[in-house]
Amino acid sequence: MKKLLALLFAVALSISMSSFAFSQDKMSDDKKADKKEDKMAKKDKKEHKKKEKKEKKDEMKKDEAK
């Protein structure tokens, strides 16, 4: 009976530890995804600014040509 109880305790403990480790891995994956999204947002913002600058430059060239 003691052996069965010890075995049951060991299994419960190992399941608990593995689920805890899995949840920590999942959190780190979420953080990586958030960082990727932030990076993409910054890149999009930068590209948008470049596009606006180019449009202004083209507009100024047209005005100078007139």
PDB file of N, CA and C in Angstrom:
ATOM      1  N   MET A   1       0.837  -1.199   0.000  1.00  0.00           N
ATOM      2  CA  MET A   1       0.000   0.000   0.000  1.00  0.00           C
ATOM      3  C   MET A   1       0.879   1.259   0.000  1.00  0.00           C
ATOM      4  N   LYS A   2       1.957   1.239   0.796  1.00  0.00           N
ATOM      5  CA  LYS A   2       2.845   2.396   0.863  1.00  0.00           C
ATOM      6  C   LYS A   2       3.522   2.644  -0.486  1.00  0.00           C
ATOM      7  N   LYS A   3       3.893   1.540  -1.160  1.00  0.00           N
ATOM      8  CA  LYS A   3       4.540   1.670  -2.458  1.00  0.00           C
ATOM      9  C   LYS A   3       3.579   2.286  -3.471  1.00  0.00           C
ATOM     10  N   LEU A   4       2.332   1.875  -3.447  1.00  0.00           N
ATOM     11  CA  LEU A   4       1.323   2.410  -4.364  1.00  0.00           C
ATOM     12  C   LEU A   4       1.095   3.894  -4.097  1.00  0.00           C
ATOM     13  N   LEU A   5       1.020   4.269  -2.851  1.00  0.00           N
ATOM     14  CA  LEU A   5       0.837   5.657  -2.475  1.00  0.00           C
ATOM     15  C   LEU A   5       2.047   6.508  -2.893  1.00  0.00           C
ATOM     16  N   ALA A   6       3.243   5.984  -2.718  1.00  0.00           N
ATOM     17  CA  ALA A   6       4.461   6.687  -3.115  1.00  0.00           C
ATOM     18  C   ALA A   6       4.515   6.852  -4.629  1.00  0.00           C
ATOM     19  N   LEU A   7       4.118   5.814  -5.348  1.00  0.00           N
ATOM     20  CA  LEU A   7       4.093   5.868  -6.811  1.00  0.00           C
ATOM     21  C   LEU A   7       3.072   6.899  -7.294  1.00  0.00           C
ATOM     22  N   LEU A   8       1.912   6.903  -6.689  1.00  0.00           N
ATOM     23  CA  LEU A   8       0.863   7.868  -7.048  1.00  0.00           C
ATOM     24  C   LEU A   8       1.332   9.299  -6.779  1.00  0.00           C
ATOM     25  N   PHE A   9       1.995   9.508  -5.660  1.00  0.00           N
ATOM     26  CA  PHE A   9       2.528  10.821  -5.320  1.00  0.00           C
ATOM     27  C   PHE A   9       3.598  11.260  -6.332  1.00  0.00           C
ATOM     28  N   ALA A  10       4.455  10.335  -6.721  1.00  0.00           N
ATOM     29  CA  ALA A  10       5.518  10.642  -7.687  1.00  0.00           C
ATOM     30  C   ALA A  10       4.920  11.018  -9.039  1.00  0.00           C
ATOM     31  N   VAL A  11       3.908  10.301  -9.474  1.00  0.00           N
ATOM     32  CA  VAL A  11       3.254  10.599 -10.759  1.00  0.00           C
ATOM     33  C   VAL A  11       2.576  11.962 -10.700  1.00  0.00           C
ATOM     34  N   ALA A  12       1.867  12.231  -9.634  1.00  0.00           N
ATOM     35  CA  ALA A  12       1.183  13.518  -9.490  1.00  0.00           C
ATOM     36  C   ALA A  12       2.190  14.666  -9.471  1.00  0.00           C
ATOM     37  N   LEU A  13       3.285  14.483  -8.788  1.00  0.00           N
ATOM     38  CA  LEU A  13       4.320  15.501  -8.710  1.00  0.00           C
ATOM     39  C   LEU A  13       4.960  15.744 -10.078  1.00  0.00           C
ATOM     40  N   SER A  14       5.240  14.685 -10.811  1.00  0.00           N
ATOM     41  CA  SER A  14       5.873  14.841 -12.127  1.00  0.00           C
ATOM     42  C   SER A  14       4.920  15.520 -13.118  1.00  0.00           C
ATOM     43  N   ILE A  15       3.649  15.199 -13.053  1.00  0.00           N
ATOM     44  CA  ILE A  15       2.668  15.854 -13.929  1.00  0.00           C
ATOM     45  C   ILE A  15       2.571  17.336 -13.593  1.00  0.00           C
ATOM     46  N   SER A  16       2.557  17.639 -12.323  1.00  0.00           N
ATOM     47  CA  SER A  16       2.483  19.032 -11.889  1.00  0.00           C
ATOM     48  C   SER A  16       3.697  19.824 -12.362  1.00  0.00           C
ATOM     49  N   MET A  17       4.872  19.254 -12.218  1.00  0.00           N
ATOM     50  CA  MET A  17       6.104  19.931 -12.624  1.00  0.00           C
ATOM     51  C   MET A  17       6.158  20.121 -14.135  1.00  0.00           C
ATOM     52  N   SER A  18       5.724  19.127 -14.885  1.00  0.00           N
ATOM     53  CA  SER A  18       5.778  19.237 -16.343  1.00  0.00           C
ATOM     54  C   SER A  18       4.779  20.285 -16.840  1.00  0.00           C
ATOM     55  N   SER A  19       3.625  20.363 -16.222  1.00  0.00           N
ATOM     56  CA  SER A  19       2.649  21.375 -16.639  1.00  0.00           C
ATOM     57  C   SER A  19       3.152  22.777 -16.308  1.00  0.00           C
ATOM     58  N   PHE A  20       3.846  22.909 -15.186  1.00  0.00           N
ATOM     59  CA  PHE A  20       4.434  24.200 -14.817  1.00  0.00           C
ATOM     60  C   PHE A  20       5.510  24.605 -15.823  1.00  0.00           C
ATOM     61  N   ALA A  21       6.345  23.665 -16.212  1.00  0.00           N
ATOM     62  CA  ALA A  21       7.404  23.950 -17.182  1.00  0.00           C
ATOM     63  C   ALA A  21       6.799  24.315 -18.533  1.00  0.00           C
ATOM     64  N   PHE A  22       5.742  23.627 -18.921  1.00  0.00           N
ATOM     65  CA  PHE A  22       5.075  23.919 -20.195  1.00  0.00           C
ATOM     66  C   PHE A  22       4.491  25.321 -20.188  1.00  0.00           C
ATOM     67  N   SER A  23       3.892  25.726 -19.085  1.00  0.00           N
ATOM     68  CA  SER A  23       3.296  27.061 -19.027  1.00  0.00           C
ATOM     69  C   SER A  23       4.368  28.137 -19.106  1.00  0.00           C
ATOM     70  N   GLN A  24       5.541  27.890 -18.541  1.00  0.00           N
ATOM     71  CA  GLN A  24       6.628  28.863 -18.642  1.00  0.00           C
ATOM     72  C   GLN A  24       7.123  28.964 -20.076  1.00  0.00           C
ATOM     73  N   ASP A  25       7.229  27.846 -20.779  1.00  0.00           N
ATOM     74  CA  ASP A  25       7.638  27.868 -22.184  1.00  0.00           C
ATOM     75  C   ASP A  25       6.628  28.635 -23.013  1.00  0.00           C
ATOM     76  N   LYS A  26       5.387  28.458 -22.742  1.00  0.00           N
ATOM     77  CA  LYS A  26       4.331  29.126 -23.491  1.00  0.00           C
ATOM     78  C   LYS A  26       4.422  30.639 -23.302  1.00  0.00           C
ATOM     79  N   MET A  27       4.721  31.072 -22.096  1.00  0.00           N
ATOM     80  CA  MET A  27       4.837  32.503 -21.835  1.00  0.00           C
ATOM     81  C   MET A  27       6.001  33.100 -22.611  1.00  0.00           C
ATOM     82  N   SER A  28       7.110  32.405 -22.671  1.00  0.00           N
ATOM     83  CA  SER A  28       8.265  32.933 -23.392  1.00  0.00           C
ATOM     84  C   SER A  28       7.962  33.001 -24.886  1.00  0.00           C
ATOM     85  N   ASP A  29       7.189  32.052 -25.407  1.00  0.00           N
ATOM     86  CA  ASP A  29       6.791  32.092 -26.818  1.00  0.00           C
ATOM     87  C   ASP A  29       5.893  33.294 -27.083  1.00  0.00           C
ATOM     88  N   ASP A  30       5.013  33.592 -26.140  1.00  0.00           N
ATOM     89  CA  ASP A  30       4.130  34.749 -26.287  1.00  0.00           C
ATOM     90  C   ASP A  30       4.936  36.041 -26.304  1.00  0.00           C
ATOM     91  N   LYS A  31       5.951  36.116 -25.458  1.00  0.00           N
ATOM     92  CA  LYS A  31       6.791  37.313 -25.412  1.00  0.00           C
ATOM     93  C   LYS A  31       7.535  37.482 -26.725  1.00  0.00           C
ATOM     94  N   LYS A  32       8.010  36.373 -27.289  1.00  0.00           N
ATOM     95  CA  LYS A  32       8.695  36.435 -28.578  1.00  0.00           C
ATOM     96  C   LYS A  32       7.744  36.940 -29.656  1.00  0.00           C
ATOM     97  N   ALA A  33       6.512  36.463 -29.618  1.00  0.00           N
ATOM     98  CA  ALA A  33       5.525  36.893 -30.610  1.00  0.00           C
ATOM     99  C   ALA A  33       5.231  38.384 -30.458  1.00  0.00           C
ATOM    100  N   ASP A  34       5.149  38.845 -29.201  1.00  0.00           N
ATOM    101  CA  ASP A  34       4.907  40.267 -28.958  1.00  0.00           C
ATOM    102  C   ASP A  34       6.058  41.107 -29.489  1.00  0.00           C
ATOM    103  N   LYS A  35       7.274  40.638 -29.275  1.00  0.00           N
ATOM    104  CA  LYS A  35       8.438  41.375 -29.768  1.00  0.00           C
ATOM    105  C   LYS A  35       8.425  41.434 -31.289  1.00  0.00           C
ATOM    106  N   LYS A  36       8.033  40.325 -31.919  1.00  0.00           N
ATOM    107  CA  LYS A  36       7.967  40.286 -33.379  1.00  0.00           C
ATOM    108  C   LYS A  36       6.934  41.284 -33.886  1.00  0.00           C
ATOM    109  N   GLU A  37       5.780  41.331 -33.220  1.00  0.00           N
ATOM    110  CA  GLU A  37       4.722  42.263 -33.620  1.00  0.00           C
ATOM    111  C   GLU A  37       5.195  43.703 -33.460  1.00  0.00           C
ATOM    112  N   ASP A  38       5.886  43.994 -32.367  1.00  0.00           N
ATOM    113  CA  ASP A  38       6.402  45.339 -32.144  1.00  0.00           C
ATOM    114  C   ASP A  38       7.398  45.713 -33.229  1.00  0.00           C
ATOM    115  N   LYS A  39       8.258  44.763 -33.576  1.00  0.00           N
ATOM    116  CA  LYS A  39       9.250  45.005 -34.614  1.00  0.00           C
ATOM    117  C   LYS A  39       8.567  45.313 -35.947  1.00  0.00           C
ATOM    118  N   MET A  40       7.537  44.537 -36.260  1.00  0.00           N
ATOM    119  CA  MET A  40       6.826  44.732 -37.525  1.00  0.00           C
ATOM    120  C   MET A  40       6.105  46.084 -37.526  1.00  0.00           C
ATOM    121  N   ALA A  41       5.539  46.466 -36.392  1.00  0.00           N
ATOM    122  CA  ALA A  41       4.849  47.744 -36.293  1.00  0.00           C
ATOM    123  C   ALA A  41       5.832  48.894 -36.501  1.00  0.00           C
ATOM    124  N   LYS A  42       7.001  48.795 -35.909  1.00  0.00           N
ATOM    125  CA  LYS A  42       8.020  49.834 -36.086  1.00  0.00           C
ATOM    126  C   LYS A  42       8.455  49.913 -37.539  1.00  0.00           C
ATOM    127  N   LYS A  43       8.603  48.754 -38.159  1.00  0.00           N
ATOM    128  CA  LYS A  43       9.032  48.704 -39.556  1.00  0.00           C
ATOM    129  C   LYS A  43       7.978  49.350 -40.450  1.00  0.00           C
ATOM    130  N   ASP A  44       6.711  49.028 -40.205  1.00  0.00           N
ATOM    131  CA  ASP A  44       5.623  49.621 -40.987  1.00  0.00           C
ATOM    132  C   ASP A  44       5.578  51.134 -40.812  1.00  0.00           C
ATOM    133  N   LYS A  45       5.771  51.582 -39.588  1.00  0.00           N
ATOM    134  CA  LYS A  45       5.758  53.017 -39.295  1.00  0.00           C
ATOM    135  C   LYS A  45       6.892  53.722 -40.035  1.00  0.00           C
ATOM    136  N   LYS A  46       8.062  53.089 -40.026  1.00  0.00           N
ATOM    137  CA  LYS A  46       9.235  53.651 -40.694  1.00  0.00           C
ATOM    138  C   LYS A  46       8.996  53.743 -42.203  1.00  0.00           C
ATOM    139  N   GLU A  47       8.434  52.679 -42.769  1.00  0.00           N
ATOM    140  CA  GLU A  47       8.148  52.662 -44.205  1.00  0.00           C
ATOM    141  C   GLU A  47       7.126  53.744 -44.566  1.00  0.00           C
ATOM    142  N   HIS A  48       6.150  53.929 -43.690  1.00  0.00           N
ATOM    143  CA  HIS A  48       5.123  54.938 -43.929  1.00  0.00           C
ATOM    144  C   HIS A  48       5.752  56.333 -43.954  1.00  0.00           C
ATOM    145  N   LYS A  49       6.663  56.593 -43.016  1.00  0.00           N
ATOM    146  CA  LYS A  49       7.345  57.889 -42.974  1.00  0.00           C
ATOM    147  C   LYS A  49       8.177  58.106 -44.229  1.00  0.00           C
ATOM    148  N   LYS A  50       8.866  57.038 -44.680  1.00  0.00           N
ATOM    149  CA  LYS A  50       9.668  57.140 -45.897  1.00  0.00           C
ATOM    150  C   LYS A  50       8.780  57.480 -47.093  1.00  0.00           C
ATOM    151  N   LYS A  51       7.630  56.846 -47.153  1.00  0.00           N
ATOM    152  CA  LYS A  51       6.700  57.074 -48.260  1.00  0.00           C
ATOM    153  C   LYS A  51       6.212  58.529 -48.262  1.00  0.00           C
ATOM    154  N   GLU A  52       5.881  59.039 -47.070  1.00  0.00           N
ATOM    155  CA  GLU A  52       5.430  60.436 -46.967  1.00  0.00           C
ATOM    156  C   GLU A  52       6.537  61.390 -47.395  1.00  0.00           C
ATOM    157  N   LYS A  53       7.771  61.111 -46.970  1.00  0.00           N
ATOM    158  CA  LYS A  53       8.901  61.952 -47.344  1.00  0.00           C
ATOM    159  C   LYS A  53       9.088  61.977 -48.854  1.00  0.00           C
ATOM    160  N   LYS A  54       8.980  60.802 -49.456  1.00  0.00           N
ATOM    161  CA  LYS A  54       9.159  60.693 -50.898  1.00  0.00           C
ATOM    162  C   LYS A  54       8.061  61.473 -51.636  1.00  0.00           C
ATOM    163  N   GLU A  55       6.829  61.361 -51.132  1.00  0.00           N
ATOM    164  CA  GLU A  55       5.721  62.084 -51.757  1.00  0.00           C
ATOM    165  C   GLU A  55       5.948  63.594 -51.668  1.00  0.00           C
ATOM    166  N   LYS A  56       6.408  64.062 -50.516  1.00  0.00           N
ATOM    167  CA  LYS A  56       6.684  65.487 -50.352  1.00  0.00           C
ATOM    168  C   LYS A  56       7.785  65.931 -51.307  1.00  0.00           C
ATOM    169  N   LYS A  57       8.808  65.093 -51.425  1.00  0.00           N
ATOM    170  CA  LYS A  57       9.935  65.404 -52.297  1.00  0.00           C
ATOM    171  C   LYS A  57       9.459  65.495 -53.754  1.00  0.00           C
ATOM    172  N   ASP A  58       8.652  64.550 -54.177  1.00  0.00           N
ATOM    173  CA  ASP A  58       8.119  64.553 -55.535  1.00  0.00           C
ATOM    174  C   ASP A  58       7.249  65.779 -55.777  1.00  0.00           C
ATOM    175  N   GLU A  59       6.468  66.133 -54.761  1.00  0.00           N
ATOM    176  CA  GLU A  59       5.586  67.299 -54.868  1.00  0.00           C
ATOM    177  C   GLU A  59       6.417  68.577 -55.016  1.00  0.00           C
ATOM    178  N   MET A  60       7.509  68.674 -54.254  1.00  0.00           N
ATOM    179  CA  MET A  60       8.371  69.855 -54.336  1.00  0.00           C
ATOM    180  C   MET A  60       9.044  69.938 -55.710  1.00  0.00           C
ATOM    181  N   LYS A  61       9.425  68.797 -56.271  1.00  0.00           N
ATOM    182  CA  LYS A  61      10.033  68.784 -57.588  1.00  0.00           C
ATOM    183  C   LYS A  61       9.044  69.274 -58.651  1.00  0.00           C
ATOM    184  N   LYS A  62       7.775  68.862 -58.506  1.00  0.00           N
ATOM    185  CA  LYS A  62       6.746  69.307 -59.448  1.00  0.00           C
ATOM    186  C   LYS A  62       6.549  70.820 -59.351  1.00  0.00           C
ATOM    187  N   ASP A  63       6.549  71.320 -58.114  1.00  0.00           N
ATOM    188  CA  ASP A  63       6.382  72.768 -57.902  1.00  0.00           C
ATOM    189  C   ASP A  63       7.559  73.539 -58.498  1.00  0.00           C
ATOM    190  N   GLU A  64       8.770  73.004 -58.348  1.00  0.00           N
ATOM    191  CA  GLU A  64       9.953  73.662 -58.897  1.00  0.00           C
ATOM    192  C   GLU A  64       9.950  73.634 -60.415  1.00  0.00           C
ATOM    193  N   ALA A  65       9.403  72.568 -60.994  1.00  0.00           N
ATOM    194  CA  ALA A  65       9.358  72.430 -62.443  1.00  0.00           C
ATOM    195  C   ALA A  65       8.405  73.467 -63.053  1.00  0.00           C
ATOM    196  N   LYS A  66       7.397  73.830 -62.300  1.00  0.00           N
ATOM    197  CA  LYS A  66       6.420  74.821 -62.799  1.00  0.00           C
ATOM    198  C   LYS A  66       7.060  76.161 -62.759  1.00  0.00           C
TER     199      LYS A  66
END
